[in-house]
Amino acid sequence: MLRHVLHSLLSNAPNLLHISLQTGTKHYVGPFEFFSKIRPHDPPFHEDLPRLPVPNFYYALEDILFEETSKGPVPSAFTRPSASTRAAGSSSRGVWDGYLDCSDADLMAEQHIWAAVDPFAQNEAFNCVNGDVFKWKQLWRVLAGKFEMEWVEMEEGRESGFSLVEMMKGKGGCFGGDCEGEGACED
């Protein structure tokens, strides 16, 4: 699908100056289905680390974009932010207890703009992280306190199959007035 979009875009947009692809940290740790089956790269991650020996959708996207843009004058850049601060926590015990970094959405946007206008960024990959670390179990405790909700530890045996989206279905009314002043959105 990406190849078809690029063919159409590159042949019909003569003023196009740049294409930016955003993937993420799974470039270095692999897809979820391989988390316990392969050894990921150790952080801190750097852009020239070799690819992991497993199929990875991110690799396919980068290959297609590089192949298509290398045929013509439109450069590309690949950005690899960590978990977006808009993303919800995982249900994995390792993620719950482990240290994670994150990428602020504004920082990610600035990186895309920079990669589009700086000629030295053409056809390169760039990581994007804030530099701070957190644990989901700590963040959920803070959020629960902020909204005056009870905080509970991750339940044993609930690691697989937990979905925050499913858990929160139908609970939009619980947050209505509280979120408006906090800059939170309904989705």
N, C-alpha and C. Protein backbone atom coordinates (compact mmCIF):
# COMPACT_ATOMS: atom_id res chain seq x y z
N MET A 1 0.82 -1.18 0.00
CA MET A 1 0.00 0.00 0.00
C MET A 1 0.88 1.26 0.00
N LEU A 2 1.92 1.28 0.82
CA LEU A 2 2.80 2.45 0.85
C LEU A 2 3.44 2.67 -0.51
N ARG A 3 3.85 1.60 -1.16
CA ARG A 3 4.48 1.74 -2.47
C ARG A 3 3.52 2.40 -3.47
N HIS A 4 2.25 2.00 -3.44
CA HIS A 4 1.26 2.58 -4.35
C HIS A 4 1.05 4.07 -4.04
N VAL A 5 0.97 4.40 -2.77
CA VAL A 5 0.82 5.81 -2.38
C VAL A 5 2.02 6.62 -2.86
N LEU A 6 3.20 6.08 -2.67
CA LEU A 6 4.41 6.80 -3.08
C LEU A 6 4.48 6.97 -4.60
N HIS A 7 4.12 5.91 -5.35
CA HIS A 7 4.10 6.03 -6.82
C HIS A 7 3.19 7.17 -7.24
N SER A 8 1.99 7.20 -6.67
CA SER A 8 1.03 8.24 -7.01
C SER A 8 1.53 9.62 -6.59
N LEU A 9 2.01 9.71 -5.39
CA LEU A 9 2.48 10.99 -4.85
C LEU A 9 3.68 11.53 -5.63
N LEU A 10 4.66 10.69 -5.85
CA LEU A 10 5.89 11.14 -6.51
C LEU A 10 5.67 11.50 -7.97
N SER A 11 4.70 10.87 -8.62
CA SER A 11 4.46 11.18 -10.03
C SER A 11 3.46 12.32 -10.22
N ASN A 12 2.73 12.69 -9.19
CA ASN A 12 1.69 13.72 -9.34
C ASN A 12 1.90 14.96 -8.49
N ALA A 13 2.97 15.03 -7.75
CA ALA A 13 3.23 16.19 -6.89
C ALA A 13 4.62 16.75 -7.19
N PRO A 14 4.74 17.49 -8.29
CA PRO A 14 6.06 17.96 -8.70
C PRO A 14 6.72 18.93 -7.72
N ASN A 15 5.95 19.53 -6.84
CA ASN A 15 6.52 20.47 -5.86
C ASN A 15 6.82 19.83 -4.51
N LEU A 16 6.63 18.53 -4.41
CA LEU A 16 6.91 17.82 -3.16
C LEU A 16 8.40 17.91 -2.85
N LEU A 17 8.73 18.31 -1.64
CA LEU A 17 10.13 18.53 -1.27
C LEU A 17 10.69 17.50 -0.30
N HIS A 18 9.83 16.76 0.39
CA HIS A 18 10.33 15.86 1.43
C HIS A 18 9.25 14.87 1.84
N ILE A 19 9.67 13.68 2.23
CA ILE A 19 8.76 12.69 2.82
C ILE A 19 9.41 12.20 4.11
N SER A 20 8.65 12.20 5.17
CA SER A 20 9.15 11.77 6.47
C SER A 20 8.34 10.57 6.94
N LEU A 21 9.03 9.52 7.37
CA LEU A 21 8.38 8.32 7.88
C LEU A 21 8.68 8.19 9.37
N GLN A 22 7.66 8.04 10.16
CA GLN A 22 7.84 7.85 11.61
C GLN A 22 7.53 6.41 11.97
N THR A 23 8.51 5.74 12.56
CA THR A 23 8.29 4.38 13.06
C THR A 23 8.45 4.43 14.57
N GLY A 24 9.45 3.76 15.13
CA GLY A 24 9.61 3.84 16.57
C GLY A 24 10.65 2.88 17.12
N THR A 25 10.58 2.69 18.42
CA THR A 25 11.57 1.90 19.15
C THR A 25 11.57 0.43 18.76
N LYS A 26 10.46 -0.07 18.25
CA LYS A 26 10.44 -1.48 17.84
C LYS A 26 11.46 -1.76 16.74
N HIS A 27 12.00 -0.71 16.14
CA HIS A 27 13.10 -0.88 15.20
C HIS A 27 14.28 -1.57 15.91
N TYR A 28 14.43 -1.31 17.20
CA TYR A 28 15.57 -1.82 17.97
C TYR A 28 15.22 -3.00 18.88
N VAL A 29 13.95 -3.16 19.22
CA VAL A 29 13.57 -4.24 20.14
C VAL A 29 12.72 -5.30 19.46
N GLY A 30 12.27 -5.05 18.24
CA GLY A 30 11.49 -6.02 17.49
C GLY A 30 10.00 -5.92 17.77
N PRO A 31 9.21 -6.61 16.96
CA PRO A 31 7.76 -6.62 17.14
C PRO A 31 7.36 -7.34 18.43
N PHE A 32 6.17 -7.02 18.93
CA PHE A 32 5.69 -7.61 20.18
C PHE A 32 5.77 -9.13 20.18
N GLU A 33 5.42 -9.76 19.06
CA GLU A 33 5.38 -11.23 19.04
C GLU A 33 6.75 -11.87 19.20
N PHE A 34 7.83 -11.09 19.11
CA PHE A 34 9.18 -11.63 19.28
C PHE A 34 9.84 -11.20 20.58
N PHE A 35 9.12 -10.49 21.45
CA PHE A 35 9.73 -9.94 22.66
C PHE A 35 10.43 -10.98 23.53
N SER A 36 9.90 -12.15 23.66
CA SER A 36 10.54 -13.16 24.51
C SER A 36 11.36 -14.16 23.71
N LYS A 37 11.43 -13.98 22.39
CA LYS A 37 12.08 -14.96 21.53
C LYS A 37 13.43 -14.51 20.98
N ILE A 38 13.69 -13.22 21.01
CA ILE A 38 14.97 -12.70 20.50
C ILE A 38 15.59 -11.77 21.53
N ARG A 39 16.86 -11.54 21.36
CA ARG A 39 17.54 -10.58 22.22
C ARG A 39 17.52 -9.23 21.51
N PRO A 40 16.83 -8.25 22.08
CA PRO A 40 16.81 -6.93 21.45
C PRO A 40 18.13 -6.20 21.69
N HIS A 41 18.30 -5.10 21.01
CA HIS A 41 19.46 -4.25 21.28
C HIS A 41 19.31 -3.65 22.67
N ASP A 42 20.43 -3.43 23.33
CA ASP A 42 20.42 -2.77 24.63
C ASP A 42 20.41 -1.26 24.45
N PRO A 43 19.61 -0.56 25.24
CA PRO A 43 19.66 0.91 25.18
C PRO A 43 20.96 1.42 25.77
N PRO A 44 21.38 2.60 25.45
CA PRO A 44 20.70 3.53 24.57
C PRO A 44 20.82 3.11 23.11
N PHE A 45 19.75 3.31 22.36
CA PHE A 45 19.71 2.93 20.95
C PHE A 45 20.37 4.03 20.12
N HIS A 46 21.07 3.62 19.09
CA HIS A 46 21.60 4.60 18.15
C HIS A 46 21.25 4.15 16.74
N GLU A 47 21.16 5.12 15.86
CA GLU A 47 20.57 4.91 14.54
C GLU A 47 21.30 3.91 13.67
N ASP A 48 22.58 3.66 13.90
CA ASP A 48 23.31 2.75 13.04
C ASP A 48 23.38 1.31 13.57
N LEU A 49 22.57 0.99 14.56
CA LEU A 49 22.52 -0.40 15.04
C LEU A 49 22.00 -1.29 13.91
N PRO A 50 22.50 -2.52 13.81
CA PRO A 50 22.01 -3.41 12.74
C PRO A 50 20.56 -3.82 13.00
N ARG A 51 19.90 -4.21 11.95
CA ARG A 51 18.53 -4.69 12.08
C ARG A 51 18.53 -6.03 12.81
N LEU A 52 17.45 -6.29 13.51
CA LEU A 52 17.29 -7.57 14.20
C LEU A 52 16.94 -8.64 13.17
N PRO A 53 17.29 -9.91 13.44
CA PRO A 53 17.06 -10.98 12.46
C PRO A 53 15.63 -11.54 12.49
N VAL A 54 14.64 -10.67 12.53
CA VAL A 54 13.23 -11.10 12.51
C VAL A 54 12.47 -10.18 11.57
N PRO A 55 11.35 -10.67 11.03
CA PRO A 55 10.53 -9.78 10.20
C PRO A 55 10.04 -8.60 11.03
N ASN A 56 10.11 -7.42 10.45
CA ASN A 56 9.69 -6.22 11.16
C ASN A 56 9.05 -5.26 10.16
N PHE A 57 7.81 -4.92 10.41
CA PHE A 57 7.04 -4.02 9.55
C PHE A 57 7.78 -2.70 9.35
N TYR A 58 8.45 -2.22 10.37
CA TYR A 58 9.19 -0.96 10.26
C TYR A 58 10.29 -1.06 9.20
N TYR A 59 10.99 -2.19 9.15
CA TYR A 59 12.06 -2.36 8.17
C TYR A 59 11.48 -2.32 6.76
N ALA A 60 10.35 -2.99 6.57
CA ALA A 60 9.71 -3.01 5.25
C ALA A 60 9.32 -1.59 4.82
N LEU A 61 8.74 -0.82 5.74
CA LEU A 61 8.35 0.55 5.41
C LEU A 61 9.56 1.40 5.02
N GLU A 62 10.63 1.30 5.80
CA GLU A 62 11.83 2.08 5.49
C GLU A 62 12.42 1.67 4.15
N ASP A 63 12.45 0.37 3.87
CA ASP A 63 13.00 -0.11 2.60
C ASP A 63 12.20 0.42 1.41
N ILE A 64 10.88 0.36 1.52
CA ILE A 64 10.02 0.85 0.43
C ILE A 64 10.23 2.34 0.23
N LEU A 65 10.22 3.11 1.30
CA LEU A 65 10.39 4.56 1.16
C LEU A 65 11.76 4.90 0.58
N PHE A 66 12.79 4.25 1.07
CA PHE A 66 14.13 4.54 0.56
C PHE A 66 14.24 4.17 -0.92
N GLU A 67 13.71 3.01 -1.28
CA GLU A 67 13.76 2.55 -2.67
C GLU A 67 13.02 3.53 -3.59
N GLU A 68 11.84 3.94 -3.20
CA GLU A 68 11.04 4.82 -4.05
C GLU A 68 11.61 6.24 -4.12
N THR A 69 12.10 6.77 -3.03
CA THR A 69 12.62 8.15 -3.06
C THR A 69 14.02 8.22 -3.65
N SER A 70 14.76 7.12 -3.66
CA SER A 70 16.11 7.15 -4.24
C SER A 70 16.07 7.23 -5.76
N LYS A 71 14.91 7.01 -6.37
CA LYS A 71 14.77 7.10 -7.82
C LYS A 71 14.65 8.54 -8.32
N GLY A 72 14.41 9.47 -7.42
CA GLY A 72 14.17 10.84 -7.86
C GLY A 72 14.71 11.87 -6.90
N PRO A 73 14.25 13.11 -7.09
CA PRO A 73 14.82 14.22 -6.33
C PRO A 73 14.22 14.46 -4.94
N VAL A 74 13.24 13.65 -4.54
CA VAL A 74 12.57 13.89 -3.26
C VAL A 74 13.28 13.12 -2.15
N PRO A 75 13.91 13.81 -1.21
CA PRO A 75 14.58 13.11 -0.11
C PRO A 75 13.57 12.67 0.96
N SER A 76 14.03 11.78 1.79
CA SER A 76 13.20 11.30 2.89
C SER A 76 14.01 11.32 4.17
N ALA A 77 13.32 11.13 5.28
CA ALA A 77 13.98 10.97 6.58
C ALA A 77 13.15 9.98 7.37
N PHE A 78 13.80 9.27 8.25
CA PHE A 78 13.14 8.27 9.08
C PHE A 78 13.28 8.69 10.53
N THR A 79 12.17 8.91 11.21
CA THR A 79 12.24 9.27 12.62
C THR A 79 11.77 8.10 13.46
N ARG A 80 12.44 7.88 14.57
CA ARG A 80 12.15 6.75 15.44
C ARG A 80 11.98 7.22 16.88
N PRO A 81 10.84 7.82 17.18
CA PRO A 81 10.60 8.21 18.57
C PRO A 81 10.33 6.99 19.44
N SER A 82 10.46 7.20 20.71
CA SER A 82 10.09 6.17 21.68
C SER A 82 8.59 6.25 21.87
N ALA A 83 8.08 5.68 22.94
CA ALA A 83 6.65 5.73 23.20
C ALA A 83 6.18 7.17 23.27
N SER A 84 5.13 7.48 22.55
CA SER A 84 4.57 8.82 22.60
C SER A 84 3.91 9.01 23.95
N THR A 85 3.99 10.20 24.49
CA THR A 85 3.37 10.45 25.79
C THR A 85 1.86 10.43 25.70
N ARG A 86 1.30 10.31 24.50
CA ARG A 86 -0.14 10.13 24.35
C ARG A 86 -0.50 8.64 24.40
N ALA A 87 0.47 7.76 24.33
CA ALA A 87 0.18 6.32 24.30
C ALA A 87 -0.12 5.81 25.71
N ALA A 88 -0.90 4.75 25.77
CA ALA A 88 -1.24 4.14 27.06
C ALA A 88 -0.26 3.03 27.38
N GLY A 89 -0.15 2.69 28.64
CA GLY A 89 0.77 1.66 29.07
C GLY A 89 0.38 0.27 28.61
N SER A 90 1.34 -0.59 28.57
CA SER A 90 1.13 -1.96 28.14
C SER A 90 0.66 -2.81 29.31
N SER A 91 0.21 -4.01 28.99
CA SER A 91 -0.22 -4.92 30.05
C SER A 91 0.87 -5.91 30.43
N SER A 92 2.07 -5.73 29.93
CA SER A 92 3.17 -6.63 30.24
C SER A 92 3.77 -6.28 31.60
N ARG A 93 4.08 -7.30 32.40
CA ARG A 93 4.71 -7.07 33.71
C ARG A 93 6.06 -6.38 33.52
N GLY A 94 6.80 -6.78 32.49
CA GLY A 94 8.09 -6.14 32.23
C GLY A 94 7.96 -4.66 31.94
N VAL A 95 6.94 -4.29 31.19
CA VAL A 95 6.72 -2.87 30.89
C VAL A 95 6.22 -2.15 32.12
N TRP A 96 5.34 -2.78 32.89
CA TRP A 96 4.79 -2.18 34.11
C TRP A 96 5.89 -1.84 35.11
N ASP A 97 6.84 -2.76 35.31
CA ASP A 97 7.90 -2.59 36.29
C ASP A 97 9.18 -1.96 35.73
N GLY A 98 9.35 -2.00 34.42
CA GLY A 98 10.60 -1.55 33.82
C GLY A 98 10.65 -0.06 33.56
N TYR A 99 11.86 0.44 33.39
CA TYR A 99 12.04 1.85 33.04
C TYR A 99 11.84 2.04 31.54
N LEU A 100 11.13 3.09 31.19
CA LEU A 100 10.87 3.42 29.80
C LEU A 100 11.21 4.89 29.58
N ASP A 101 11.49 5.21 28.33
CA ASP A 101 11.63 6.62 27.99
C ASP A 101 10.42 7.00 27.14
N CYS A 102 10.32 8.24 26.80
CA CYS A 102 9.16 8.67 26.02
C CYS A 102 9.57 9.80 25.09
N SER A 103 8.67 10.10 24.17
CA SER A 103 8.89 11.18 23.22
C SER A 103 7.69 12.10 23.24
N ASP A 104 7.93 13.35 23.52
CA ASP A 104 6.86 14.35 23.54
C ASP A 104 6.40 14.62 22.11
N ALA A 105 5.09 14.73 21.91
CA ALA A 105 4.54 14.95 20.57
C ALA A 105 5.07 16.24 19.94
N ASP A 106 5.25 17.29 20.72
CA ASP A 106 5.79 18.54 20.17
C ASP A 106 7.24 18.36 19.71
N LEU A 107 8.02 17.62 20.48
CA LEU A 107 9.40 17.35 20.10
C LEU A 107 9.45 16.54 18.81
N MET A 108 8.56 15.57 18.69
CA MET A 108 8.51 14.76 17.47
C MET A 108 8.17 15.63 16.26
N ALA A 109 7.21 16.54 16.41
CA ALA A 109 6.83 17.43 15.31
C ALA A 109 8.01 18.32 14.91
N GLU A 110 8.72 18.85 15.90
CA GLU A 110 9.89 19.69 15.60
C GLU A 110 10.94 18.89 14.84
N GLN A 111 11.12 17.62 15.20
CA GLN A 111 12.10 16.80 14.51
C GLN A 111 11.71 16.59 13.04
N HIS A 112 10.43 16.35 12.79
CA HIS A 112 9.97 16.19 11.40
C HIS A 112 10.23 17.46 10.59
N ILE A 113 9.95 18.60 11.17
CA ILE A 113 10.18 19.88 10.47
C ILE A 113 11.67 20.06 10.20
N TRP A 114 12.49 19.83 11.22
CA TRP A 114 13.94 19.96 11.05
C TRP A 114 14.45 19.04 9.94
N ALA A 115 14.00 17.77 9.95
CA ALA A 115 14.46 16.81 8.95
C ALA A 115 14.04 17.22 7.53
N ALA A 116 12.92 17.92 7.44
CA ALA A 116 12.43 18.35 6.13
C ALA A 116 13.20 19.54 5.57
N VAL A 117 13.73 20.40 6.42
CA VAL A 117 14.36 21.64 5.94
C VAL A 117 15.89 21.63 5.99
N ASP A 118 16.49 20.72 6.73
CA ASP A 118 17.96 20.69 6.83
C ASP A 118 18.52 19.71 5.79
N PRO A 119 19.31 20.19 4.84
CA PRO A 119 19.84 19.29 3.81
C PRO A 119 20.72 18.17 4.36
N PHE A 120 21.30 18.36 5.54
CA PHE A 120 22.13 17.31 6.13
C PHE A 120 21.30 16.16 6.71
N ALA A 121 20.00 16.35 6.80
CA ALA A 121 19.12 15.31 7.34
C ALA A 121 18.54 14.41 6.25
N GLN A 122 18.82 14.72 5.00
CA GLN A 122 18.23 13.96 3.90
C GLN A 122 18.65 12.50 3.93
N ASN A 123 17.66 11.62 3.78
CA ASN A 123 17.86 10.18 3.67
C ASN A 123 18.59 9.58 4.87
N GLU A 124 18.31 10.13 6.03
CA GLU A 124 18.93 9.66 7.27
C GLU A 124 17.85 9.23 8.26
N ALA A 125 18.25 8.46 9.27
CA ALA A 125 17.35 8.05 10.35
C ALA A 125 17.75 8.79 11.62
N PHE A 126 16.73 9.13 12.42
CA PHE A 126 16.97 9.87 13.66
C PHE A 126 16.07 9.36 14.77
N ASN A 127 16.67 9.09 15.92
CA ASN A 127 15.88 8.76 17.11
C ASN A 127 15.37 10.06 17.72
N CYS A 128 14.35 9.94 18.56
CA CYS A 128 13.77 11.13 19.18
C CYS A 128 13.22 10.74 20.55
N VAL A 129 13.93 11.11 21.61
CA VAL A 129 13.45 10.83 22.97
C VAL A 129 13.71 12.05 23.84
N ASN A 130 12.91 12.18 24.87
CA ASN A 130 13.06 13.32 25.78
C ASN A 130 14.32 13.21 26.63
N GLY A 131 14.71 12.00 26.99
CA GLY A 131 15.85 11.80 27.85
C GLY A 131 15.48 11.44 29.28
N ASP A 132 14.22 11.61 29.63
CA ASP A 132 13.77 11.23 30.97
C ASP A 132 13.20 9.81 30.93
N VAL A 133 13.14 9.16 32.07
CA VAL A 133 12.59 7.81 32.14
C VAL A 133 11.49 7.75 33.18
N PHE A 134 10.64 6.75 33.04
CA PHE A 134 9.53 6.57 33.97
C PHE A 134 9.15 5.10 34.00
N LYS A 135 8.30 4.74 34.95
CA LYS A 135 7.68 3.42 35.00
C LYS A 135 6.18 3.63 34.91
N TRP A 136 5.49 2.79 34.15
CA TRP A 136 4.05 2.94 34.04
C TRP A 136 3.39 2.85 35.41
N LYS A 137 3.88 1.96 36.27
CA LYS A 137 3.23 1.83 37.58
C LYS A 137 3.34 3.13 38.38
N GLN A 138 4.40 3.90 38.17
CA GLN A 138 4.52 5.19 38.84
C GLN A 138 3.61 6.23 38.19
N LEU A 139 3.57 6.22 36.86
CA LEU A 139 2.75 7.20 36.15
C LEU A 139 1.26 7.00 36.45
N TRP A 140 0.80 5.75 36.47
CA TRP A 140 -0.62 5.51 36.76
C TRP A 140 -0.97 5.97 38.17
N ARG A 141 -0.05 5.81 39.11
CA ARG A 141 -0.29 6.28 40.49
C ARG A 141 -0.48 7.80 40.50
N VAL A 142 0.37 8.52 39.77
CA VAL A 142 0.27 9.98 39.70
C VAL A 142 -1.05 10.39 39.03
N LEU A 143 -1.39 9.73 37.92
CA LEU A 143 -2.63 10.07 37.23
C LEU A 143 -3.85 9.79 38.10
N ALA A 144 -3.84 8.67 38.80
CA ALA A 144 -4.96 8.36 39.70
C ALA A 144 -5.10 9.44 40.76
N GLY A 145 -4.00 9.89 41.33
CA GLY A 145 -4.04 10.95 42.33
C GLY A 145 -4.55 12.26 41.75
N LYS A 146 -4.12 12.57 40.54
CA LYS A 146 -4.54 13.81 39.88
C LYS A 146 -6.06 13.85 39.70
N PHE A 147 -6.63 12.70 39.36
CA PHE A 147 -8.08 12.63 39.12
C PHE A 147 -8.84 12.09 40.33
N GLU A 148 -8.16 12.03 41.48
CA GLU A 148 -8.77 11.57 42.74
C GLU A 148 -9.45 10.21 42.57
N MET A 149 -8.69 9.30 41.97
CA MET A 149 -9.17 7.93 41.75
C MET A 149 -8.32 6.97 42.57
N GLU A 150 -8.87 5.82 42.86
CA GLU A 150 -8.10 4.79 43.57
C GLU A 150 -7.08 4.19 42.61
N TRP A 151 -5.86 4.03 43.09
CA TRP A 151 -4.81 3.38 42.30
C TRP A 151 -4.64 1.96 42.80
N VAL A 152 -4.50 1.02 41.88
CA VAL A 152 -4.26 -0.37 42.26
C VAL A 152 -3.06 -0.89 41.49
N GLU A 153 -2.34 -1.79 42.13
CA GLU A 153 -1.19 -2.46 41.51
C GLU A 153 -1.70 -3.37 40.39
N MET A 154 -0.85 -3.65 39.42
CA MET A 154 -1.22 -4.57 38.35
C MET A 154 -1.57 -5.92 38.95
N GLU A 155 -2.70 -6.47 38.54
CA GLU A 155 -3.15 -7.76 39.07
C GLU A 155 -2.35 -8.90 38.46
N GLU A 156 -1.93 -9.84 39.29
CA GLU A 156 -1.27 -11.04 38.79
C GLU A 156 -2.25 -11.80 37.91
N GLY A 157 -1.76 -12.36 36.83
CA GLY A 157 -2.62 -13.13 35.94
C GLY A 157 -3.39 -12.29 34.94
N ARG A 158 -3.32 -10.96 35.05
CA ARG A 158 -4.03 -10.10 34.10
C ARG A 158 -3.09 -9.55 33.04
N GLU A 159 -1.87 -10.06 32.99
CA GLU A 159 -0.88 -9.51 32.08
C GLU A 159 -1.28 -9.66 30.62
N SER A 160 -1.82 -10.81 30.24
CA SER A 160 -2.20 -10.97 28.85
C SER A 160 -3.68 -10.70 28.70
N GLY A 161 -4.02 -10.08 27.62
CA GLY A 161 -5.42 -9.82 27.35
C GLY A 161 -5.94 -8.51 27.90
N PHE A 162 -5.17 -7.78 28.68
CA PHE A 162 -5.62 -6.49 29.21
C PHE A 162 -5.63 -5.46 28.09
N SER A 163 -6.71 -4.74 27.98
CA SER A 163 -6.81 -3.67 26.99
C SER A 163 -7.39 -2.45 27.68
N LEU A 164 -6.62 -1.38 27.74
CA LEU A 164 -7.10 -0.14 28.34
C LEU A 164 -8.31 0.38 27.57
N VAL A 165 -8.29 0.24 26.25
CA VAL A 165 -9.41 0.70 25.44
C VAL A 165 -10.68 -0.03 25.85
N GLU A 166 -10.59 -1.37 25.97
CA GLU A 166 -11.76 -2.16 26.37
C GLU A 166 -12.20 -1.80 27.79
N MET A 167 -11.25 -1.65 28.68
CA MET A 167 -11.57 -1.36 30.08
C MET A 167 -12.30 -0.02 30.22
N MET A 168 -11.96 0.94 29.39
CA MET A 168 -12.52 2.28 29.51
C MET A 168 -13.77 2.51 28.67
N LYS A 169 -14.18 1.52 27.87
CA LYS A 169 -15.40 1.68 27.07
C LYS A 169 -16.57 2.02 27.96
N GLY A 170 -17.32 3.02 27.55
CA GLY A 170 -18.51 3.41 28.29
C GLY A 170 -18.24 4.24 29.53
N LYS A 171 -16.99 4.59 29.80
CA LYS A 171 -16.67 5.33 31.01
C LYS A 171 -16.33 6.79 30.72
N GLY A 172 -16.63 7.26 29.51
CA GLY A 172 -16.32 8.64 29.13
C GLY A 172 -16.93 9.66 30.06
N GLY A 173 -18.14 9.40 30.55
CA GLY A 173 -18.81 10.33 31.45
C GLY A 173 -18.09 10.51 32.77
N CYS A 174 -17.28 9.55 33.15
CA CYS A 174 -16.54 9.65 34.42
C CYS A 174 -15.54 10.80 34.41
N PHE A 175 -15.10 11.19 33.23
CA PHE A 175 -14.03 12.17 33.13
C PHE A 175 -14.49 13.52 32.60
N GLY A 176 -15.66 13.58 32.00
CA GLY A 176 -16.19 14.78 31.35
C GLY A 176 -15.62 16.10 31.81
N GLY A 177 -16.08 16.62 32.93
CA GLY A 177 -15.66 17.93 33.41
C GLY A 177 -14.22 17.97 33.86
N ASP A 178 -13.70 16.88 34.40
CA ASP A 178 -12.33 16.87 34.92
C ASP A 178 -11.29 17.09 33.83
N CYS A 179 -11.53 16.55 32.65
CA CYS A 179 -10.51 16.60 31.60
C CYS A 179 -10.46 17.93 30.87
N GLU A 180 -11.57 18.62 30.80
CA GLU A 180 -11.62 19.85 30.01
C GLU A 180 -10.55 20.85 30.44
N GLY A 181 -10.37 21.06 31.70
CA GLY A 181 -9.39 22.02 32.19
C GLY A 181 -7.96 21.51 32.11
N GLU A 182 -7.79 20.23 31.85
CA GLU A 182 -6.45 19.64 31.81
C GLU A 182 -5.90 19.54 30.39
N GLY A 183 -6.67 19.99 29.40
CA GLY A 183 -6.21 19.90 28.02
C GLY A 183 -6.31 18.50 27.45
N ALA A 184 -7.10 17.64 28.08
CA ALA A 184 -7.26 16.27 27.60
C ALA A 184 -8.38 16.23 26.57
N CYS A 185 -8.29 15.28 25.67
CA CYS A 185 -9.32 15.16 24.65
C CYS A 185 -10.20 13.95 24.94
N GLU A 186 -11.35 13.88 24.30
CA GLU A 186 -12.30 12.81 24.57
C GLU A 186 -11.86 11.47 24.01
N ASP A 187 -11.09 11.46 22.93
CA ASP A 187 -10.69 10.19 22.34
C ASP A 187 -9.56 9.63 23.14
